[in-house]
PDB file of N, CA and C in Angstrom:
ATOM      1  N   MET A   1       0.837  -1.174   0.000  1.00  0.00           N
ATOM      2  CA  MET A   1       0.000   0.000   0.000  1.00  0.00           C
ATOM      3  C   MET A   1       0.883   1.238   0.000  1.00  0.00           C
ATOM      4  N   ALA A   2       0.506   2.216  -0.745  1.00  0.00           N
ATOM      5  CA  ALA A   2       1.271   3.454  -0.824  1.00  0.00           C
ATOM      6  C   ALA A   2       1.134   4.243   0.470  1.00  0.00           C
ATOM      7  N   ARG A   3       2.203   4.909   0.849  1.00  0.00           N
ATOM      8  CA  ARG A   3       2.206   5.656   2.104  1.00  0.00           C
ATOM      9  C   ARG A   3       1.222   6.827   2.068  1.00  0.00           C
ATOM     10  N   GLU A   4       0.959   7.390   0.905  1.00  0.00           N
ATOM     11  CA  GLU A   4       0.030   8.520   0.842  1.00  0.00           C
ATOM     12  C   GLU A   4      -1.419   8.109   1.106  1.00  0.00           C
ATOM     13  N   ASP A   5      -1.713   6.795   1.076  1.00  0.00           N
ATOM     14  CA  ASP A   5      -3.047   6.310   1.403  1.00  0.00           C
ATOM     15  C   ASP A   5      -3.258   6.174   2.907  1.00  0.00           C
ATOM     16  N   ALA A   6      -2.199   6.254   3.679  1.00  0.00           N
ATOM     17  CA  ALA A   6      -2.275   6.041   5.116  1.00  0.00           C
ATOM     18  C   ALA A   6      -2.988   7.198   5.810  1.00  0.00           C
ATOM     19  N   ILE A   7      -3.602   6.870   6.938  1.00  0.00           N
ATOM     20  CA  ILE A   7      -4.303   7.849   7.758  1.00  0.00           C
ATOM     21  C   ILE A   7      -3.452   8.108   8.994  1.00  0.00           C
ATOM     22  N   GLU A   8      -3.156   9.369   9.291  1.00  0.00           N
ATOM     23  CA  GLU A   8      -2.397   9.719  10.491  1.00  0.00           C
ATOM     24  C   GLU A   8      -3.347  10.274  11.539  1.00  0.00           C
ATOM     25  N   VAL A   9      -3.278   9.704  12.744  1.00  0.00           N
ATOM     26  CA  VAL A   9      -4.120  10.145  13.860  1.00  0.00           C
ATOM     27  C   VAL A   9      -3.278  10.241  15.124  1.00  0.00           C
ATOM     28  N   ASP A  10      -3.733  11.050  16.068  1.00  0.00           N
ATOM     29  CA  ASP A  10      -3.061  11.184  17.356  1.00  0.00           C
ATOM     30  C   ASP A  10      -3.826  10.393  18.403  1.00  0.00           C
ATOM     31  N   GLY A  11      -3.080   9.877  19.382  1.00  0.00           N
ATOM     32  CA  GLY A  11      -3.706   9.098  20.434  1.00  0.00           C
ATOM     33  C   GLY A  11      -2.882   9.100  21.702  1.00  0.00           C
ATOM     34  N   THR A  12      -3.386   8.391  22.704  1.00  0.00           N
ATOM     35  CA  THR A  12      -2.748   8.292  24.004  1.00  0.00           C
ATOM     36  C   THR A  12      -2.599   6.826  24.372  1.00  0.00           C
ATOM     37  N   VAL A  13      -1.414   6.440  24.854  1.00  0.00           N
ATOM     38  CA  VAL A  13      -1.160   5.059  25.267  1.00  0.00           C
ATOM     39  C   VAL A  13      -1.935   4.788  26.552  1.00  0.00           C
ATOM     40  N   VAL A  14      -2.757   3.728  26.541  1.00  0.00           N
ATOM     41  CA  VAL A  14      -3.538   3.387  27.728  1.00  0.00           C
ATOM     42  C   VAL A  14      -3.124   2.044  28.317  1.00  0.00           C
ATOM     43  N   GLU A  15      -2.385   1.227  27.540  1.00  0.00           N
ATOM     44  CA  GLU A  15      -1.972  -0.086  28.043  1.00  0.00           C
ATOM     45  C   GLU A  15      -0.731  -0.539  27.279  1.00  0.00           C
ATOM     46  N   ALA A  16       0.243  -1.065  28.012  1.00  0.00           N
ATOM     47  CA  ALA A  16       1.443  -1.638  27.402  1.00  0.00           C
ATOM     48  C   ALA A  16       1.295  -3.158  27.428  1.00  0.00           C
ATOM     49  N   LEU A  17       1.414  -3.779  26.262  1.00  0.00           N
ATOM     50  CA  LEU A  17       1.275  -5.219  26.135  1.00  0.00           C
ATOM     51  C   LEU A  17       2.642  -5.851  25.874  1.00  0.00           C
ATOM     52  N   ARG A  18       2.676  -7.166  25.742  1.00  0.00           N
ATOM     53  CA  ARG A  18       3.925  -7.866  25.457  1.00  0.00           C
ATOM     54  C   ARG A  18       4.369  -7.634  24.019  1.00  0.00           C
ATOM     55  N   HIS A  19       5.656  -7.883  23.779  1.00  0.00           N
ATOM     56  CA  HIS A  19       6.251  -7.851  22.439  1.00  0.00           C
ATOM     57  C   HIS A  19       6.131  -6.481  21.778  1.00  0.00           C
ATOM     58  N   ALA A  20       6.338  -5.427  22.546  1.00  0.00           N
ATOM     59  CA  ALA A  20       6.343  -4.047  22.046  1.00  0.00           C
ATOM     60  C   ALA A  20       5.027  -3.654  21.386  1.00  0.00           C
ATOM     61  N   LEU A  21       3.925  -4.141  21.909  1.00  0.00           N
ATOM     62  CA  LEU A  21       2.596  -3.742  21.443  1.00  0.00           C
ATOM     63  C   LEU A  21       1.968  -2.832  22.492  1.00  0.00           C
ATOM     64  N   TYR A  22       1.163  -1.910  22.016  1.00  0.00           N
ATOM     65  CA  TYR A  22       0.502  -0.951  22.898  1.00  0.00           C
ATOM     66  C   TYR A  22      -0.949  -0.807  22.494  1.00  0.00           C
ATOM     67  N   ARG A  23      -1.805  -0.557  23.502  1.00  0.00           N
ATOM     68  CA  ARG A  23      -3.193  -0.223  23.244  1.00  0.00           C
ATOM     69  C   ARG A  23      -3.273   1.294  23.318  1.00  0.00           C
ATOM     70  N   VAL A  24      -3.758   1.906  22.229  1.00  0.00           N
ATOM     71  CA  VAL A  24      -3.796   3.366  22.129  1.00  0.00           C
ATOM     72  C   VAL A  24      -5.242   3.814  21.971  1.00  0.00           C
ATOM     73  N   GLU A  25      -5.623   4.831  22.739  1.00  0.00           N
ATOM     74  CA  GLU A  25      -6.965   5.398  22.630  1.00  0.00           C
ATOM     75  C   GLU A  25      -6.901   6.657  21.775  1.00  0.00           C
ATOM     76  N   LEU A  26      -7.730   6.700  20.753  1.00  0.00           N
ATOM     77  CA  LEU A  26      -7.778   7.848  19.853  1.00  0.00           C
ATOM     78  C   LEU A  26      -8.677   8.933  20.439  1.00  0.00           C
ATOM     79  N   ALA A  27      -8.652  10.101  19.839  1.00  0.00           N
ATOM     80  CA  ALA A  27      -9.438  11.230  20.331  1.00  0.00           C
ATOM     81  C   ALA A  27     -10.941  10.941  20.297  1.00  0.00           C
ATOM     82  N   ASN A  28     -11.375  10.100  19.355  1.00  0.00           N
ATOM     83  CA  ASN A  28     -12.799   9.799  19.238  1.00  0.00           C
ATOM     84  C   ASN A  28     -13.247   8.664  20.162  1.00  0.00           C
ATOM     85  N   GLY A  29     -12.320   8.140  20.998  1.00  0.00           N
ATOM     86  CA  GLY A  29     -12.679   7.109  21.964  1.00  0.00           C
ATOM     87  C   GLY A  29     -12.388   5.690  21.526  1.00  0.00           C
ATOM     88  N   HIS A  30     -12.071   5.476  20.265  1.00  0.00           N
ATOM     89  CA  HIS A  30     -11.740   4.133  19.789  1.00  0.00           C
ATOM     90  C   HIS A  30     -10.381   3.710  20.317  1.00  0.00           C
ATOM     91  N   ARG A  31     -10.225   2.413  20.575  1.00  0.00           N
ATOM     92  CA  ARG A  31      -8.945   1.859  21.016  1.00  0.00           C
ATOM     93  C   ARG A  31      -8.403   0.954  19.926  1.00  0.00           C
ATOM     94  N   VAL A  32      -7.121   1.119  19.619  1.00  0.00           N
ATOM     95  CA  VAL A  32      -6.483   0.333  18.573  1.00  0.00           C
ATOM     96  C   VAL A  32      -5.206  -0.298  19.119  1.00  0.00           C
ATOM     97  N   LEU A  33      -4.766  -1.367  18.474  1.00  0.00           N
ATOM     98  CA  LEU A  33      -3.522  -2.037  18.797  1.00  0.00           C
ATOM     99  C   LEU A  33      -2.424  -1.405  17.961  1.00  0.00           C
ATOM    100  N   ALA A  34      -1.307  -1.007  18.606  1.00  0.00           N
ATOM    101  CA  ALA A  34      -0.252  -0.301  17.888  1.00  0.00           C
ATOM    102  C   ALA A  34       1.110  -0.927  18.155  1.00  0.00           C
ATOM    103  N   HIS A  35       2.005  -0.770  17.193  1.00  0.00           N
ATOM    104  CA  HIS A  35       3.380  -1.261  17.301  1.00  0.00           C
ATOM    105  C   HIS A  35       4.296  -0.198  16.710  1.00  0.00           C
ATOM    106  N   TRP A  36       5.614  -0.301  17.000  1.00  0.00           N
ATOM    107  CA  TRP A  36       6.576   0.644  16.424  1.00  0.00           C
ATOM    108  C   TRP A  36       6.706   0.404  14.935  1.00  0.00           C
ATOM    109  N   LYS A  37       6.933   1.461  14.184  1.00  0.00           N
ATOM    110  CA  LYS A  37       7.024   1.370  12.737  1.00  0.00           C
ATOM    111  C   LYS A  37       8.218   2.185  12.246  1.00  0.00           C
ATOM    112  N   GLY A  38       8.857   1.744  11.177  1.00  0.00           N
ATOM    113  CA  GLY A  38       9.928   2.497  10.535  1.00  0.00           C
ATOM    114  C   GLY A  38      11.220   2.502  11.333  1.00  0.00           C
ATOM    115  N   ARG A  39      11.908   3.640  11.323  1.00  0.00           N
ATOM    116  CA  ARG A  39      13.197   3.756  12.015  1.00  0.00           C
ATOM    117  C   ARG A  39      13.066   3.554  13.510  1.00  0.00           C
ATOM    118  N   ALA A  40      11.951   3.917  14.072  1.00  0.00           N
ATOM    119  CA  ALA A  40      11.744   3.776  15.512  1.00  0.00           C
ATOM    120  C   ALA A  40      11.744   2.304  15.927  1.00  0.00           C
ATOM    121  N   ARG A  41      11.481   1.406  15.010  1.00  0.00           N
ATOM    122  CA  ARG A  41      11.465  -0.017  15.332  1.00  0.00           C
ATOM    123  C   ARG A  41      12.865  -0.531  15.668  1.00  0.00           C
ATOM    124  N   ARG A  42      13.891   0.075  15.060  1.00  0.00           N
ATOM    125  CA  ARG A  42      15.261  -0.351  15.338  1.00  0.00           C
ATOM    126  C   ARG A  42      15.697   0.007  16.740  1.00  0.00           C
ATOM    127  N   ASN A  43      15.275   1.156  17.243  1.00  0.00           N
ATOM    128  CA  ASN A  43      15.631   1.621  18.581  1.00  0.00           C
ATOM    129  C   ASN A  43      14.374   1.998  19.357  1.00  0.00           C
ATOM    130  N   PRO A  44      13.532   1.028  19.679  1.00  0.00           N
ATOM    131  CA  PRO A  44      12.283   1.377  20.361  1.00  0.00           C
ATOM    132  C   PRO A  44      12.534   1.822  21.798  1.00  0.00           C
ATOM    133  N   VAL A  45      11.709   2.717  22.272  1.00  0.00           N
ATOM    134  CA  VAL A  45      11.744   3.144  23.667  1.00  0.00           C
ATOM    135  C   VAL A  45      10.466   2.657  24.326  1.00  0.00           C
ATOM    136  N   GLU A  46      10.547   2.419  25.608  1.00  0.00           N
ATOM    137  CA  GLU A  46       9.365   1.990  26.346  1.00  0.00           C
ATOM    138  C   GLU A  46       8.470   3.204  26.559  1.00  0.00           C
ATOM    139  N   LEU A  47       7.235   3.107  26.152  1.00  0.00           N
ATOM    140  CA  LEU A  47       6.295   4.216  26.307  1.00  0.00           C
ATOM    141  C   LEU A  47       5.578   4.096  27.641  1.00  0.00           C
ATOM    142  N   ALA A  48       5.445   5.198  28.329  1.00  0.00           N
ATOM    143  CA  ALA A  48       4.720   5.235  29.594  1.00  0.00           C
ATOM    144  C   ALA A  48       3.225   5.377  29.316  1.00  0.00           C
ATOM    145  N   LEU A  49       2.429   4.963  30.267  1.00  0.00           N
ATOM    146  CA  LEU A  49       0.989   5.148  30.128  1.00  0.00           C
ATOM    147  C   LEU A  49       0.696   6.642  30.091  1.00  0.00           C
ATOM    148  N   GLY A  50      -0.162   7.044  29.193  1.00  0.00           N
ATOM    149  CA  GLY A  50      -0.500   8.454  29.048  1.00  0.00           C
ATOM    150  C   GLY A  50       0.355   9.182  28.030  1.00  0.00           C
ATOM    151  N   ALA A  51       1.328   8.505  27.421  1.00  0.00           N
ATOM    152  CA  ALA A  51       2.190   9.153  26.428  1.00  0.00           C
ATOM    153  C   ALA A  51       1.391   9.472  25.168  1.00  0.00           C
ATOM    154  N   LYS A  52       1.641  10.641  24.600  1.00  0.00           N
ATOM    155  CA  LYS A  52       0.986  11.055  23.358  1.00  0.00           C
ATOM    156  C   LYS A  52       1.773  10.493  22.174  1.00  0.00           C
ATOM    157  N   VAL A  53       1.075   9.869  21.234  1.00  0.00           N
ATOM    158  CA  VAL A  53       1.723   9.270  20.063  1.00  0.00           C
ATOM    159  C   VAL A  53       0.953   9.628  18.801  1.00  0.00           C
ATOM    160  N   ARG A  54       1.626   9.515  17.660  1.00  0.00           N
ATOM    161  CA  ARG A  54       0.977   9.666  16.359  1.00  0.00           C
ATOM    162  C   ARG A  54       1.027   8.308  15.673  1.00  0.00           C
ATOM    163  N   LEU A  55      -0.117   7.872  15.168  1.00  0.00           N
ATOM    164  CA  LEU A  55      -0.239   6.572  14.513  1.00  0.00           C
ATOM    165  C   LEU A  55      -0.453   6.746  13.022  1.00  0.00           C
ATOM    166  N   GLU A  56       0.027   5.762  12.278  1.00  0.00           N
ATOM    167  CA  GLU A  56      -0.258   5.674  10.855  1.00  0.00           C
ATOM    168  C   GLU A  56      -1.097   4.408  10.668  1.00  0.00           C
ATOM    169  N   MET A  57      -2.285   4.579  10.097  1.00  0.00           N
ATOM    170  CA  MET A  57      -3.207   3.458   9.940  1.00  0.00           C
ATOM    171  C   MET A  57      -3.602   3.308   8.481  1.00  0.00           C
ATOM    172  N   THR A  58      -3.887   2.060   8.092  1.00  0.00           N
ATOM    173  CA  THR A  58      -4.373   1.791   6.759  1.00  0.00           C
ATOM    174  C   THR A  58      -5.898   1.935   6.744  1.00  0.00           C
ATOM    175  N   PRO A  59      -6.479   2.402   5.660  1.00  0.00           N
ATOM    176  CA  PRO A  59      -7.941   2.517   5.620  1.00  0.00           C
ATOM    177  C   PRO A  59      -8.644   1.160   5.559  1.00  0.00           C
ATOM    178  N   PHE A  60      -7.886   0.097   5.323  1.00  0.00           N
ATOM    179  CA  PHE A  60      -8.476  -1.239   5.206  1.00  0.00           C
ATOM    180  C   PHE A  60      -8.675  -1.913   6.554  1.00  0.00           C
ATOM    181  N   ASP A  61      -7.869  -1.556   7.569  1.00  0.00           N
ATOM    182  CA  ASP A  61      -7.986  -2.151   8.897  1.00  0.00           C
ATOM    183  C   ASP A  61      -7.778  -1.051   9.932  1.00  0.00           C
ATOM    184  N   LEU A  62      -8.860  -0.525  10.449  1.00  0.00           N
ATOM    185  CA  LEU A  62      -8.790   0.595  11.391  1.00  0.00           C
ATOM    186  C   LEU A  62      -8.654   0.140  12.842  1.00  0.00           C
ATOM    187  N   SER A  63      -8.364  -1.151  13.067  1.00  0.00           N
ATOM    188  CA  SER A  63      -8.180  -1.642  14.426  1.00  0.00           C
ATOM    189  C   SER A  63      -6.707  -1.755  14.799  1.00  0.00           C
ATOM    190  N   LYS A  64      -5.798  -1.503  13.848  1.00  0.00           N
ATOM    191  CA  LYS A  64      -4.358  -1.613  14.088  1.00  0.00           C
ATOM    192  C   LYS A  64      -3.651  -0.400  13.515  1.00  0.00           C
ATOM    193  N   GLY A  65      -2.474  -0.086  14.088  1.00  0.00           N
ATOM    194  CA  GLY A  65      -1.716   1.043  13.577  1.00  0.00           C
ATOM    195  C   GLY A  65      -0.253   0.941  13.948  1.00  0.00           C
ATOM    196  N   GLY A  66       0.547   1.762  13.312  1.00  0.00           N
ATOM    197  CA  GLY A  66       1.973   1.812  13.587  1.00  0.00           C
ATOM    198  C   GLY A  66       2.343   3.157  14.195  1.00  0.00           C
ATOM    199  N   ILE A  67       3.116   3.126  15.272  1.00  0.00           N
ATOM    200  CA  ILE A  67       3.541   4.343  15.956  1.00  0.00           C
ATOM    201  C   ILE A  67       4.685   4.961  15.152  1.00  0.00           C
ATOM    202  N   ILE A  68       4.511   6.180  14.671  1.00  0.00           N
ATOM    203  CA  ILE A  68       5.547   6.845  13.887  1.00  0.00           C
ATOM    204  C   ILE A  68       6.159   8.032  14.634  1.00  0.00           C
ATOM    205  N   TRP A  69       5.572   8.433  15.766  1.00  0.00           N
ATOM    206  CA  TRP A  69       6.079   9.569  16.532  1.00  0.00           C
ATOM    207  C   TRP A  69       5.547   9.479  17.950  1.00  0.00           C
ATOM    208  N   ASN A  70       6.356   9.897  18.924  1.00  0.00           N
ATOM    209  CA  ASN A  70       5.844  10.035  20.287  1.00  0.00           C
ATOM    210  C   ASN A  70       6.291  11.373  20.844  1.00  0.00           C
ATOM    211  N   GLU A  71       5.699  11.794  21.934  1.00  0.00           N
ATOM    212  CA  GLU A  71       5.960  13.134  22.478  1.00  0.00           C
ATOM    213  C   GLU A  71       7.390  13.315  22.964  1.00  0.00           C
ATOM    214  N   ASN A  72       8.122  12.227  23.199  1.00  0.00           N
ATOM    215  CA  ASN A  72       9.500  12.319  23.678  1.00  0.00           C
ATOM    216  C   ASN A  72      10.506  12.445  22.565  1.00  0.00           C
ATOM    217  N   ASP A  73      10.095  12.304  21.296  1.00  0.00           N
ATOM    218  CA  ASP A  73      11.009  12.479  20.158  1.00  0.00           C
ATOM    219  C   ASP A  73      11.443  13.935  20.077  1.00  0.00           C
ATOM    220  N   VAL A  74      12.670  14.128  19.713  1.00  0.00           N
ATOM    221  CA  VAL A  74      13.184  15.498  19.586  1.00  0.00           C
ATOM    222  C   VAL A  74      13.388  15.825  18.130  1.00  0.00           C
TER     223      VAL A  74
END
């Protein structure tokens, strides 16, 4: 899938799961399963509960997403 088809949304980490997976709550109240994506996957950081993140989601499956940015990135 082309990257320009992706949907970018902001959310908050509400639960840390095993294997670098996180449950993220979006602004509209939906909860999605998220994982690190791209360069951040090589050097992942542990996200604290309540951390603000930006997700990239495909329009075909809105229940999963990839974390492309977090509030601690500089």
